């Protein structure tokens, strides 16, 4: 990876890298990307996708039922301004 790419990634991740750390990150990220590239080149044409990692087992599912009650009205009692079940906040962008 190029130094500028590392600096861009560090900026996006809000990392303040020391000058001595940049080469370490270059090497680490390059190895990670190489590994991902190897995985992308793996021949998986005859592999059937699995729903569960252990053969003969299936995923246990819980019943699809409401587990919590709707308390939004109670929560909005503390809000300074509410309209149509929405929190009203001061405008911060012109």
N, C-alpha and C. Protein backbone atom coordinates (compact mmCIF):
# COMPACT_ATOMS: atom_id res chain seq x y z
N UNK A 1 0.84 -1.18 0.00
CA UNK A 1 0.00 0.00 0.00
C UNK A 1 0.88 1.25 0.00
N UNK A 2 0.37 2.27 -0.62
CA UNK A 2 1.11 3.54 -0.66
C UNK A 2 0.95 4.29 0.65
N UNK A 3 1.91 5.10 0.93
CA UNK A 3 1.89 5.91 2.15
C UNK A 3 0.65 6.81 2.19
N UNK A 4 0.28 7.38 1.05
CA UNK A 4 -0.89 8.27 1.01
C UNK A 4 -2.18 7.50 1.34
N UNK A 5 -2.25 6.22 0.93
CA UNK A 5 -3.43 5.41 1.25
C UNK A 5 -3.52 5.18 2.76
N UNK A 6 -2.39 4.90 3.38
CA UNK A 6 -2.36 4.69 4.83
C UNK A 6 -2.78 5.97 5.54
N UNK A 7 -2.27 7.10 5.09
CA UNK A 7 -2.62 8.38 5.71
C UNK A 7 -4.11 8.68 5.54
N UNK A 8 -4.67 8.35 4.38
CA UNK A 8 -6.10 8.56 4.15
C UNK A 8 -6.93 7.67 5.06
N UNK A 9 -6.57 6.39 5.15
CA UNK A 9 -7.29 5.46 6.02
C UNK A 9 -7.19 5.91 7.48
N UNK A 10 -6.02 6.34 7.90
CA UNK A 10 -5.83 6.82 9.27
C UNK A 10 -6.71 8.04 9.53
N UNK A 11 -6.78 8.93 8.55
CA UNK A 11 -7.62 10.13 8.70
C UNK A 11 -9.09 9.73 8.83
N UNK A 12 -9.56 8.81 7.98
CA UNK A 12 -10.95 8.37 8.03
C UNK A 12 -11.27 7.65 9.35
N UNK A 13 -10.29 6.93 9.88
CA UNK A 13 -10.48 6.21 11.14
C UNK A 13 -10.19 7.10 12.35
N UNK A 14 -9.86 8.35 12.11
CA UNK A 14 -9.54 9.31 13.16
C UNK A 14 -8.37 8.83 14.01
N UNK A 15 -7.34 8.29 13.33
CA UNK A 15 -6.13 7.85 14.01
C UNK A 15 -5.03 8.88 13.80
N UNK A 16 -4.32 9.17 14.83
CA UNK A 16 -3.19 10.08 14.74
C UNK A 16 -1.92 9.23 14.76
N UNK A 17 -1.46 8.85 13.58
CA UNK A 17 -0.30 7.96 13.48
C UNK A 17 1.00 8.75 13.60
N UNK A 18 1.92 8.19 14.36
CA UNK A 18 3.26 8.75 14.41
C UNK A 18 3.99 8.37 13.12
N UNK A 19 5.00 9.11 12.80
CA UNK A 19 5.76 8.86 11.57
C UNK A 19 6.31 7.43 11.53
N UNK A 20 6.72 6.92 12.68
CA UNK A 20 7.30 5.57 12.74
C UNK A 20 6.24 4.47 12.60
N UNK A 21 4.97 4.80 12.80
CA UNK A 21 3.91 3.79 12.72
C UNK A 21 3.43 3.53 11.30
N UNK A 22 3.63 4.47 10.41
CA UNK A 22 3.12 4.34 9.04
C UNK A 22 3.66 3.08 8.35
N UNK A 23 4.98 2.79 8.39
CA UNK A 23 5.46 1.57 7.73
C UNK A 23 4.87 0.29 8.34
N UNK A 24 4.64 0.30 9.64
CA UNK A 24 4.05 -0.87 10.30
C UNK A 24 2.65 -1.11 9.77
N UNK A 25 1.87 -0.05 9.66
CA UNK A 25 0.51 -0.17 9.13
C UNK A 25 0.53 -0.54 7.65
N UNK A 26 1.49 -0.02 6.91
CA UNK A 26 1.60 -0.38 5.50
C UNK A 26 1.78 -1.89 5.35
N UNK A 27 2.67 -2.45 6.13
CA UNK A 27 2.94 -3.89 6.04
C UNK A 27 1.74 -4.70 6.50
N UNK A 28 1.14 -4.32 7.62
CA UNK A 28 0.00 -5.07 8.16
C UNK A 28 -1.18 -5.06 7.20
N UNK A 29 -1.53 -3.89 6.70
CA UNK A 29 -2.67 -3.80 5.78
C UNK A 29 -2.38 -4.52 4.46
N UNK A 30 -1.15 -4.47 4.00
CA UNK A 30 -0.80 -5.18 2.76
C UNK A 30 -0.97 -6.68 2.95
N UNK A 31 -0.55 -7.20 4.11
CA UNK A 31 -0.72 -8.64 4.37
C UNK A 31 -2.19 -9.02 4.46
N UNK A 32 -2.98 -8.19 5.09
CA UNK A 32 -4.42 -8.45 5.19
C UNK A 32 -5.06 -8.47 3.81
N UNK A 33 -4.72 -7.49 2.99
CA UNK A 33 -5.30 -7.44 1.64
C UNK A 33 -4.82 -8.60 0.78
N UNK A 34 -3.59 -9.04 0.97
CA UNK A 34 -3.10 -10.22 0.25
C UNK A 34 -3.91 -11.46 0.64
N UNK A 35 -4.20 -11.61 1.93
CA UNK A 35 -4.99 -12.75 2.39
C UNK A 35 -6.41 -12.70 1.81
N UNK A 36 -7.01 -11.54 1.79
CA UNK A 36 -8.34 -11.40 1.20
C UNK A 36 -8.29 -11.74 -0.28
N UNK A 37 -7.23 -11.34 -0.96
CA UNK A 37 -7.07 -11.68 -2.37
C UNK A 37 -6.96 -13.18 -2.58
N UNK A 38 -6.22 -13.86 -1.70
CA UNK A 38 -6.12 -15.33 -1.79
C UNK A 38 -7.48 -15.98 -1.60
N UNK A 39 -8.26 -15.50 -0.65
CA UNK A 39 -9.59 -16.05 -0.44
C UNK A 39 -10.48 -15.84 -1.66
N UNK A 40 -10.32 -14.70 -2.30
CA UNK A 40 -11.10 -14.42 -3.51
C UNK A 40 -10.74 -15.31 -4.68
N UNK A 41 -9.52 -15.84 -4.69
CA UNK A 41 -9.08 -16.71 -5.78
C UNK A 41 -9.37 -18.19 -5.52
N UNK A 42 -9.90 -18.51 -4.35
CA UNK A 42 -10.18 -19.92 -4.01
C UNK A 42 -11.26 -20.47 -4.94
N UNK A 43 -11.07 -21.72 -5.39
CA UNK A 43 -12.04 -22.38 -6.26
C UNK A 43 -13.16 -22.95 -5.41
N UNK A 44 -14.34 -22.38 -5.52
CA UNK A 44 -15.49 -22.82 -4.72
C UNK A 44 -16.63 -23.31 -5.61
N UNK A 45 -16.31 -23.68 -6.84
CA UNK A 45 -17.36 -24.08 -7.77
C UNK A 45 -18.16 -25.29 -7.29
N UNK A 46 -17.55 -26.27 -6.64
CA UNK A 46 -18.26 -27.46 -6.21
C UNK A 46 -18.73 -27.40 -4.77
N UNK A 47 -18.61 -26.27 -4.13
CA UNK A 47 -18.96 -26.16 -2.71
C UNK A 47 -20.39 -25.68 -2.57
N UNK A 48 -21.17 -26.45 -1.82
CA UNK A 48 -22.56 -26.08 -1.57
C UNK A 48 -22.62 -25.14 -0.36
N UNK A 49 -23.34 -24.04 -0.47
CA UNK A 49 -23.45 -23.13 0.68
C UNK A 49 -24.11 -23.84 1.86
N UNK A 50 -23.65 -23.52 3.06
CA UNK A 50 -24.18 -24.15 4.26
C UNK A 50 -25.07 -23.19 5.03
N UNK A 51 -26.17 -23.73 5.57
CA UNK A 51 -27.01 -22.94 6.45
C UNK A 51 -26.52 -23.07 7.89
N UNK A 52 -25.77 -24.13 8.16
CA UNK A 52 -25.27 -24.38 9.51
C UNK A 52 -23.91 -25.09 9.37
N UNK A 53 -22.93 -24.76 10.20
CA UNK A 53 -21.60 -25.35 10.02
C UNK A 53 -21.51 -26.84 10.37
N UNK A 54 -22.49 -27.38 11.10
CA UNK A 54 -22.46 -28.79 11.47
C UNK A 54 -23.51 -29.55 10.67
N UNK A 55 -23.10 -30.58 9.93
CA UNK A 55 -24.05 -31.31 9.09
C UNK A 55 -25.20 -31.91 9.91
N UNK A 56 -26.40 -31.88 9.34
CA UNK A 56 -27.56 -32.48 9.98
C UNK A 56 -28.22 -31.62 11.03
N UNK A 57 -27.67 -30.47 11.34
CA UNK A 57 -28.28 -29.59 12.35
C UNK A 57 -28.91 -28.40 11.67
N UNK A 58 -29.89 -27.83 12.32
CA UNK A 58 -30.50 -26.62 11.77
C UNK A 58 -30.51 -25.54 12.85
N UNK A 59 -30.73 -24.34 12.42
CA UNK A 59 -30.73 -23.20 13.33
C UNK A 59 -32.01 -23.22 14.18
N UNK A 60 -31.85 -23.16 15.49
CA UNK A 60 -33.02 -23.07 16.35
C UNK A 60 -33.57 -21.67 16.27
N UNK A 61 -34.87 -21.55 16.08
CA UNK A 61 -35.50 -20.25 15.96
C UNK A 61 -36.43 -20.02 17.14
N UNK A 62 -36.47 -18.82 17.60
CA UNK A 62 -37.40 -18.49 18.67
C UNK A 62 -38.70 -17.99 18.05
N UNK A 63 -39.78 -18.03 18.79
CA UNK A 63 -41.05 -17.53 18.24
C UNK A 63 -40.95 -16.04 17.94
N UNK A 64 -41.58 -15.61 16.89
CA UNK A 64 -41.57 -14.21 16.50
C UNK A 64 -42.72 -13.51 17.21
N UNK A 65 -42.43 -13.01 18.40
CA UNK A 65 -43.47 -12.35 19.18
C UNK A 65 -42.90 -11.10 19.83
N UNK A 66 -43.76 -10.14 20.11
CA UNK A 66 -43.35 -8.88 20.72
C UNK A 66 -42.89 -9.16 22.14
N UNK A 67 -41.68 -8.69 22.47
CA UNK A 67 -41.12 -8.94 23.80
C UNK A 67 -41.06 -7.66 24.64
N UNK A 68 -41.24 -6.51 24.02
CA UNK A 68 -41.19 -5.25 24.75
C UNK A 68 -42.42 -4.43 24.40
N UNK A 69 -42.85 -3.64 25.34
CA UNK A 69 -44.01 -2.78 25.06
C UNK A 69 -43.54 -1.44 24.49
N UNK A 70 -44.43 -0.74 23.84
CA UNK A 70 -44.13 0.55 23.21
C UNK A 70 -44.25 1.65 24.26
N UNK A 71 -43.11 2.18 24.70
CA UNK A 71 -43.08 3.21 25.74
C UNK A 71 -42.72 4.59 25.20
N UNK A 72 -42.86 4.81 23.91
CA UNK A 72 -42.39 6.09 23.36
C UNK A 72 -43.10 7.28 23.98
N UNK A 73 -44.39 7.15 24.32
CA UNK A 73 -45.11 8.28 24.92
C UNK A 73 -44.52 8.63 26.29
N UNK A 74 -44.17 7.61 27.06
CA UNK A 74 -43.58 7.84 28.38
C UNK A 74 -42.20 8.50 28.24
N UNK A 75 -41.40 8.06 27.25
CA UNK A 75 -40.08 8.65 27.03
C UNK A 75 -40.19 10.10 26.57
N UNK A 76 -41.22 10.40 25.79
CA UNK A 76 -41.35 11.75 25.26
C UNK A 76 -41.87 12.75 26.28
N UNK A 77 -42.32 12.27 27.44
CA UNK A 77 -42.75 13.20 28.49
C UNK A 77 -41.59 14.08 28.96
N UNK A 78 -40.35 13.59 28.85
CA UNK A 78 -39.18 14.36 29.27
C UNK A 78 -38.65 15.28 28.19
N UNK A 79 -39.13 15.15 26.98
CA UNK A 79 -38.62 15.95 25.87
C UNK A 79 -39.16 17.37 25.95
N UNK A 80 -38.33 18.37 25.65
CA UNK A 80 -38.80 19.76 25.69
C UNK A 80 -39.91 20.03 24.68
N UNK A 81 -39.78 19.45 23.47
CA UNK A 81 -40.80 19.70 22.43
C UNK A 81 -41.03 18.42 21.64
N UNK A 82 -42.31 18.08 21.47
CA UNK A 82 -42.70 16.89 20.71
C UNK A 82 -43.90 17.28 19.86
N UNK A 83 -43.90 16.79 18.63
CA UNK A 83 -45.04 17.02 17.74
C UNK A 83 -45.21 15.80 16.86
N UNK A 84 -46.42 15.25 16.80
CA UNK A 84 -46.74 14.08 15.99
C UNK A 84 -45.81 12.91 16.32
N UNK A 85 -45.56 12.71 17.61
CA UNK A 85 -44.70 11.64 18.11
C UNK A 85 -43.25 11.76 17.67
N UNK A 86 -42.83 12.97 17.27
CA UNK A 86 -41.45 13.22 16.86
C UNK A 86 -40.82 14.21 17.82
N UNK A 87 -39.53 14.04 18.10
CA UNK A 87 -38.79 14.99 18.92
C UNK A 87 -38.45 16.20 18.06
N UNK A 88 -38.77 17.40 18.54
CA UNK A 88 -38.42 18.62 17.84
C UNK A 88 -37.15 19.19 18.45
N UNK A 89 -36.17 19.49 17.61
CA UNK A 89 -34.89 20.01 18.08
C UNK A 89 -34.60 21.33 17.40
N UNK A 90 -33.76 22.16 18.01
CA UNK A 90 -33.43 23.45 17.39
C UNK A 90 -32.72 23.25 16.04
N UNK A 91 -32.98 24.15 15.13
CA UNK A 91 -32.31 24.13 13.84
C UNK A 91 -30.88 24.56 14.04
N UNK A 92 -29.93 23.76 13.51
CA UNK A 92 -28.51 24.08 13.67
C UNK A 92 -27.83 24.38 12.34
N UNK A 93 -28.51 24.11 11.24
CA UNK A 93 -27.93 24.37 9.91
C UNK A 93 -28.84 25.34 9.19
N UNK A 94 -28.26 26.38 8.67
CA UNK A 94 -29.04 27.39 7.94
C UNK A 94 -29.33 26.92 6.54
